[in-house]
């Protein structure tokens, strides 16, 4: 299944039987059966009826509300039964400093290893670009993570690894776009705009997934607790940043899927994809998440979207003292 992205401004989401219908000015733009949808993402001025929301709830479909430019505002969740046992374990483990450190080290090490794998794979395919210094630095970082004795140390190690990684990332862009380093709130250029949008998409999916599995998405172990932020989704998405969002951005830029004309800038508000380009982005995003591959760990055919759920289930097992947490690693 896939997500449904609604971007046509002033359109309205309705229901008819077990189908969702998107209409604008009495014209039907889309009609889809509910059982084919995982989630509905609404961008900007798109209306929806109460009956449509009821239908989403009956099928356990999450709805995310975002600004027209892709900033997550909030989510509407079906009141399905929650796993109270998992939540009890989750809160108990928060008070276990050794557990928090162990899990945080796995999260940071997994993130850095995936950054290393992205750079190493690119270097293998583009030997003309010298990335040896960055590859060596990233390769050494997980060893430093293993020696950390406090979570605060991990923030410093993660930050220094990110500096090295994004230096390499700039060298890996071949499509004529420049990259001034990671800039956010707001994004200052097309590359950062795509990175920020992709991170938002992953965060939204993982946040909804954690809620559906019975977690409290707001109680995290590595990221600090902040009012109104699903910090546990921030924990889990770290290992997926490089192999999903960053690889997607590189593919879109290096294959010239987007050009400068696909972006626009608002003074003091950042750079964003234009509406038609945003629709093309969703096609590419869905294609990447649903592309099948064989996971070496299990020998099973899977997708990156399925791996989101697989890692969330791993996290639940770890919190309930069943298995140690092993992060998702991009296989190269």
Protein backbone atom coordinates (compact mmCIF):
# COMPACT_ATOMS: atom_id res chain seq x y z
CA UNK A 1 0.00 0.00 0.00
CA UNK A 2 0.98 3.66 -0.32
CA UNK A 3 0.25 7.11 1.02
CA UNK A 4 -2.29 9.48 -0.52
CA UNK A 5 -0.93 13.00 -1.03
CA UNK A 6 -3.46 15.82 -1.46
CA UNK A 7 -1.91 19.02 -2.82
CA UNK A 8 -4.61 20.52 -5.07
CA UNK A 9 -5.53 23.76 -3.29
CA UNK A 10 -9.24 24.36 -2.55
CA UNK A 11 -10.10 20.73 -3.27
CA UNK A 12 -12.14 18.62 -0.83
CA UNK A 13 -11.81 15.05 0.40
CA UNK A 14 -15.11 13.17 0.61
CA UNK A 15 -16.23 9.56 0.96
CA UNK A 16 -18.54 7.35 -1.07
CA UNK A 17 -19.04 3.89 0.36
CA UNK A 18 -15.57 2.58 1.17
CA UNK A 19 -13.95 4.94 -1.32
CA UNK A 20 -12.28 8.29 -0.85
CA UNK A 21 -13.02 10.93 -3.48
CA UNK A 22 -11.13 14.17 -4.09
CA UNK A 23 -13.21 16.84 -5.81
CA UNK A 24 -12.73 20.43 -6.92
CA UNK A 25 -15.42 22.60 -8.47
CA UNK A 26 -17.69 19.57 -8.97
CA UNK A 27 -14.91 17.73 -10.84
CA UNK A 28 -13.64 14.41 -9.45
CA UNK A 29 -9.85 14.48 -9.38
CA UNK A 30 -9.27 11.12 -7.71
CA UNK A 31 -11.16 8.11 -6.45
CA UNK A 32 -9.46 5.35 -4.45
CA UNK A 33 -10.50 2.47 -2.18
CA UNK A 34 -9.57 2.86 1.47
CA UNK A 35 -7.94 -0.56 1.76
CA UNK A 36 -5.27 0.61 -0.69
CA UNK A 37 -4.11 3.49 1.54
CA UNK A 38 -1.77 3.58 4.53
CA UNK A 39 -2.08 7.29 5.30
CA UNK A 40 -3.47 10.55 3.94
CA UNK A 41 -1.26 13.64 3.86
CA UNK A 42 -2.96 16.99 3.30
CA UNK A 43 -0.89 19.96 2.13
CA UNK A 44 -2.22 23.48 2.51
CA UNK A 45 -5.81 24.53 1.81
CA UNK A 46 -7.43 21.14 1.24
CA UNK A 47 -10.75 20.54 3.00
CA UNK A 48 -12.19 17.24 4.23
CA UNK A 49 -15.61 16.12 5.41
CA UNK A 50 -16.45 14.58 8.75
CA UNK A 51 -17.71 11.50 6.90
CA UNK A 52 -14.33 11.11 5.20
CA UNK A 53 -12.56 11.22 8.56
CA UNK A 54 -14.97 8.61 9.95
CA UNK A 55 -14.08 6.35 7.04
CA UNK A 56 -10.36 6.83 7.71
CA UNK A 57 -10.86 5.94 11.36
CA UNK A 58 -12.78 2.78 10.48
CA UNK A 59 -9.88 1.62 8.31
CA UNK A 60 -7.18 2.68 10.79
CA UNK A 61 -5.79 5.25 8.34
CA UNK A 62 -3.75 8.13 9.78
CA UNK A 63 -4.14 11.68 8.50
CA UNK A 64 -1.31 14.20 8.59
CA UNK A 65 -1.91 17.94 8.16
CA UNK A 66 0.96 19.91 6.65
CA UNK A 67 1.48 23.42 5.36
CA UNK A 68 1.57 23.92 1.62
CA UNK A 69 5.37 23.90 1.80
CA UNK A 70 5.56 20.62 3.71
CA UNK A 71 5.87 21.60 7.38
CA UNK A 72 4.05 19.14 9.62
CA UNK A 73 1.29 20.81 11.66
CA UNK A 74 -0.35 17.80 13.28
CA UNK A 75 -1.88 14.37 12.84
CA UNK A 76 -5.32 12.85 13.28
CA UNK A 77 -5.20 9.35 14.71
CA UNK A 78 -7.84 6.66 14.91
CA UNK A 79 -8.77 5.81 18.53
CA UNK A 80 -7.78 2.17 18.11
CA UNK A 81 -6.85 0.13 21.21
CA UNK A 82 -3.38 0.98 22.47
CA UNK A 83 -0.73 -1.36 23.80
CA UNK A 84 -0.72 -0.22 27.42
CA UNK A 85 1.81 -2.91 28.37
CA UNK A 86 4.30 -1.52 25.88
CA UNK A 87 3.75 1.99 27.19
CA UNK A 88 4.35 0.88 30.77
CA UNK A 89 7.65 -0.69 29.72
CA UNK A 90 8.49 2.41 27.70
CA UNK A 91 8.07 4.73 30.68
CA UNK A 92 9.94 2.42 33.04
CA UNK A 93 12.89 2.22 30.66
CA UNK A 94 13.09 5.99 30.48
CA UNK A 95 14.27 5.97 34.09
CA UNK A 96 16.98 3.40 33.31
CA UNK A 97 20.07 5.46 32.40
CA UNK A 98 22.06 2.42 31.31
CA UNK A 99 19.28 1.40 28.93
CA UNK A 100 18.99 4.91 27.50
CA UNK A 101 22.72 5.06 26.89
CA UNK A 102 22.78 1.61 25.28
CA UNK A 103 19.91 2.43 22.93
CA UNK A 104 21.24 5.91 22.13
CA UNK A 105 24.63 4.47 21.20
CA UNK A 106 22.94 2.01 18.83
CA UNK A 107 20.94 4.86 17.24
CA UNK A 108 23.96 7.11 16.71
CA UNK A 109 26.24 4.31 15.53
CA UNK A 110 23.58 3.16 13.05
CA UNK A 111 23.14 6.68 11.70
CA UNK A 112 26.89 7.17 11.22
CA UNK A 113 27.35 3.76 9.59
CA UNK A 114 24.61 4.55 7.10
CA UNK A 115 26.26 7.88 6.31
CA UNK A 116 29.52 6.01 5.79
CA UNK A 117 27.81 3.49 3.50
CA UNK A 118 26.21 6.22 1.37
CA UNK A 119 29.56 7.94 0.85
CA UNK A 120 31.44 4.69 0.29
CA UNK A 121 28.95 3.44 -2.30
CA UNK A 122 29.05 6.76 -4.14
CA UNK A 123 32.86 6.72 -4.11
CA UNK A 124 32.87 3.22 -5.58
CA UNK A 125 30.69 4.39 -8.48
CA UNK A 126 32.56 7.69 -8.89
CA UNK A 127 36.26 7.01 -8.27
CA UNK A 128 37.15 10.32 -9.92
CA UNK A 129 35.84 12.16 -6.83
CA UNK A 130 38.21 12.01 -3.88
CA UNK A 131 36.28 11.11 -0.72
CA UNK A 132 39.01 9.13 1.05
CA UNK A 133 39.39 11.58 3.95
CA UNK A 134 35.66 11.65 4.70
CA UNK A 135 35.32 7.87 4.36
CA UNK A 136 38.17 7.27 6.80
CA UNK A 137 36.77 9.76 9.31
CA UNK A 138 33.26 8.31 9.20
CA UNK A 139 34.57 4.76 9.47
CA UNK A 140 36.32 5.61 12.75
CA UNK A 141 33.34 7.35 14.38
CA UNK A 142 31.35 4.26 15.49
CA UNK A 143 34.36 3.17 17.55
CA UNK A 144 34.25 6.49 19.40
CA UNK A 145 30.51 6.04 19.93
CA UNK A 146 31.11 2.65 21.53
CA UNK A 147 33.41 4.28 24.11
CA UNK A 148 30.91 6.98 25.14
CA UNK A 149 29.77 6.90 28.76
CA UNK A 150 27.16 9.68 28.62
CA UNK A 151 24.44 10.64 26.18
CA UNK A 152 25.79 14.20 26.00
CA UNK A 153 28.99 12.81 24.50
CA UNK A 154 26.95 11.24 21.72
CA UNK A 155 25.55 14.62 20.66
CA UNK A 156 29.09 15.86 20.09
CA UNK A 157 30.12 12.73 18.18
CA UNK A 158 26.97 12.89 16.05
CA UNK A 159 27.60 16.55 15.28
CA UNK A 160 31.21 16.03 14.24
CA UNK A 161 30.23 13.07 12.05
CA UNK A 162 27.49 15.16 10.42
CA UNK A 163 30.04 17.88 9.59
CA UNK A 164 32.27 15.36 7.81
CA UNK A 165 29.33 13.69 6.10
CA UNK A 166 27.78 16.86 4.70
CA UNK A 167 31.20 17.98 3.47
CA UNK A 168 31.23 14.75 1.48
CA UNK A 169 27.59 15.23 0.49
CA UNK A 170 28.46 18.51 -1.22
CA UNK A 171 31.09 16.74 -3.32
CA UNK A 172 28.57 14.08 -4.32
CA UNK A 173 26.19 16.53 -6.01
CA UNK A 174 26.67 16.33 -9.77
CA UNK A 175 23.61 18.11 -11.14
CA UNK A 176 24.84 21.69 -11.05
CA UNK A 177 23.37 22.56 -7.65
CA UNK A 178 25.55 24.00 -4.91
CA UNK A 179 25.34 22.91 -1.29
CA UNK A 180 26.36 25.40 1.44
CA UNK A 181 26.14 22.76 4.17
CA UNK A 182 23.08 21.69 6.09
CA UNK A 183 20.78 24.69 6.53
CA UNK A 184 17.30 24.46 8.03
CA UNK A 185 14.59 26.63 9.58
CA UNK A 186 14.42 27.81 6.85
CA UNK A 187 16.08 25.95 4.01
CA UNK A 188 18.27 28.36 2.06
CA UNK A 189 18.67 26.47 -1.23
CA UNK A 190 17.09 23.68 -3.32
CA UNK A 191 19.26 20.88 -1.90
CA UNK A 192 18.40 21.74 1.69
CA UNK A 193 14.76 22.16 0.69
CA UNK A 194 14.65 18.58 -0.59
CA UNK A 195 16.49 17.25 2.46
CA UNK A 196 14.11 19.01 4.86
CA UNK A 197 11.03 17.84 2.98
CA UNK A 198 12.27 14.24 2.92
CA UNK A 199 13.07 14.30 6.64
CA UNK A 200 9.57 15.62 7.33
CA UNK A 201 8.02 12.83 5.27
CA UNK A 202 9.96 10.13 7.13
CA UNK A 203 9.23 11.71 10.51
CA UNK A 204 5.50 11.82 9.77
CA UNK A 205 5.40 8.17 8.70
CA UNK A 206 7.38 6.92 11.67
CA UNK A 207 5.42 9.05 14.15
CA UNK A 208 2.13 7.60 12.89
CA UNK A 209 3.60 4.09 12.91
CA UNK A 210 4.80 4.36 16.51
CA UNK A 211 1.42 5.63 17.63
CA UNK A 212 -0.35 2.81 15.82
CA UNK A 213 1.86 0.17 17.45
CA UNK A 214 1.03 1.49 20.91
CA UNK A 215 4.09 3.58 21.78
CA UNK A 216 3.93 7.00 23.31
CA UNK A 217 5.64 8.86 20.43
CA UNK A 218 6.52 11.78 22.72
CA UNK A 219 8.74 9.82 25.12
CA UNK A 220 12.20 9.34 23.62
CA UNK A 221 15.50 7.96 24.86
CA UNK A 222 18.13 9.83 22.84
CA UNK A 223 16.41 13.07 21.83
CA UNK A 224 15.23 15.33 24.60
CA UNK A 225 11.57 15.50 25.50
CA UNK A 226 9.96 18.64 24.12
CA UNK A 227 6.36 19.80 24.42
CA UNK A 228 4.40 18.83 21.33
CA UNK A 229 7.24 16.99 19.57
CA UNK A 230 7.12 13.25 18.84
CA UNK A 231 10.71 12.78 20.01
CA UNK A 232 10.63 8.98 19.77
CA UNK A 233 10.04 9.36 16.03
CA UNK A 234 13.19 11.51 15.96
CA UNK A 235 15.05 8.64 17.65
CA UNK A 236 13.90 6.01 15.19
CA UNK A 237 14.27 8.08 12.03
CA UNK A 238 17.98 8.79 12.58
CA UNK A 239 19.09 5.52 10.98
CA UNK A 240 16.89 6.20 7.93
CA UNK A 241 18.07 9.75 7.15
CA UNK A 242 21.04 8.80 4.97
CA UNK A 243 19.71 5.68 3.20
CA UNK A 244 16.30 7.23 2.44
CA UNK A 245 16.23 11.04 2.47
CA UNK A 246 19.83 11.75 1.52
CA UNK A 247 20.01 9.08 -1.19
CA UNK A 248 16.70 10.27 -2.61
CA UNK A 249 17.96 13.85 -2.72
CA UNK A 250 21.18 12.80 -4.46
CA UNK A 251 19.23 10.75 -7.00
CA UNK A 252 16.83 13.60 -7.77
CA UNK A 253 19.59 16.17 -8.15
CA UNK A 254 22.20 14.07 -9.92
CA UNK A 255 19.68 12.63 -12.39
CA UNK A 256 18.34 16.15 -13.01
CA UNK A 257 14.79 15.24 -12.07
CA UNK A 258 14.54 18.79 -10.73
CA UNK A 259 16.04 22.02 -12.01
CA UNK A 260 16.31 25.51 -10.56
CA UNK A 261 12.96 26.35 -12.15
CA UNK A 262 11.22 23.77 -9.90
CA UNK A 263 11.95 25.82 -6.76
CA UNK A 264 10.81 29.18 -5.49
CA UNK A 265 11.95 31.39 -2.63
CA UNK A 266 9.91 33.38 -0.12
CA UNK A 267 11.83 36.23 1.55
CA UNK A 268 12.84 35.18 5.10
CA UNK A 269 10.79 31.98 4.72
CA UNK A 270 13.10 29.72 2.73
CA UNK A 271 13.20 27.78 -0.53
CA UNK A 272 10.51 25.26 -1.52
CA UNK A 273 9.39 23.05 -4.38
CA UNK A 274 6.73 24.43 -6.67
CA UNK A 275 3.37 22.62 -6.64
CA UNK A 276 3.84 20.65 -9.87
CA UNK A 277 7.35 19.67 -8.79
CA UNK A 278 6.01 18.59 -5.41
CA UNK A 279 3.68 16.13 -7.12
CA UNK A 280 6.64 14.66 -9.01
CA UNK A 281 8.56 14.44 -5.77
CA UNK A 282 5.86 12.29 -4.17
CA UNK A 283 6.05 9.85 -7.09
CA UNK A 284 9.81 9.53 -6.58
CA UNK A 285 9.46 9.23 -2.80
CA UNK A 286 6.86 6.47 -3.08
CA UNK A 287 8.93 4.68 -5.70
CA UNK A 288 11.96 4.62 -3.43
CA UNK A 289 10.09 3.47 -0.32
CA UNK A 290 8.24 0.70 -2.18
CA UNK A 291 11.14 -0.60 -4.26
CA UNK A 292 11.75 -4.23 -3.31
CA UNK A 293 15.11 -5.63 -2.25
CA UNK A 294 16.34 -8.70 -0.39
CA UNK A 295 17.44 -7.97 3.15
CA UNK A 296 20.60 -9.91 3.99
CA UNK A 297 19.69 -10.07 7.68
CA UNK A 298 16.61 -12.21 7.02
CA UNK A 299 16.82 -13.24 3.35
CA UNK A 300 13.31 -11.84 2.88
CA UNK A 301 12.12 -9.57 0.10
CA UNK A 302 11.18 -6.24 1.67
CA UNK A 303 10.93 -2.50 1.08
CA UNK A 304 12.22 0.54 2.95
CA UNK A 305 8.67 1.34 4.10
CA UNK A 306 8.36 -2.16 5.56
CA UNK A 307 11.70 -1.60 7.28
CA UNK A 308 10.20 1.38 9.13
CA UNK A 309 7.74 -1.01 10.73
CA UNK A 310 10.32 -3.75 11.22
CA UNK A 311 12.57 -1.38 13.19
CA UNK A 312 9.66 -0.08 15.26
CA UNK A 313 8.80 -3.66 16.18
CA UNK A 314 12.45 -4.25 17.05
CA UNK A 315 12.33 -1.22 19.32
CA UNK A 316 9.23 -2.57 21.06
CA UNK A 317 10.97 -5.90 21.63
CA UNK A 318 14.03 -4.13 23.03
CA UNK A 319 11.98 -2.02 25.42
CA UNK A 320 10.22 -5.15 26.66
CA UNK A 321 13.59 -6.89 27.33
CA UNK A 322 13.22 -9.41 24.54
CA UNK A 323 16.09 -8.59 22.18
CA UNK A 324 18.89 -6.01 21.90
CA UNK A 325 18.28 -3.20 19.46
CA UNK A 326 20.11 -3.49 16.13
CA UNK A 327 19.63 -0.46 13.85
CA UNK A 328 18.74 -0.64 10.17
CA UNK A 329 21.87 -0.60 8.05
CA UNK A 330 21.96 0.11 4.35
CA UNK A 331 23.32 -2.93 2.56
CA UNK A 332 25.98 -2.17 -0.03
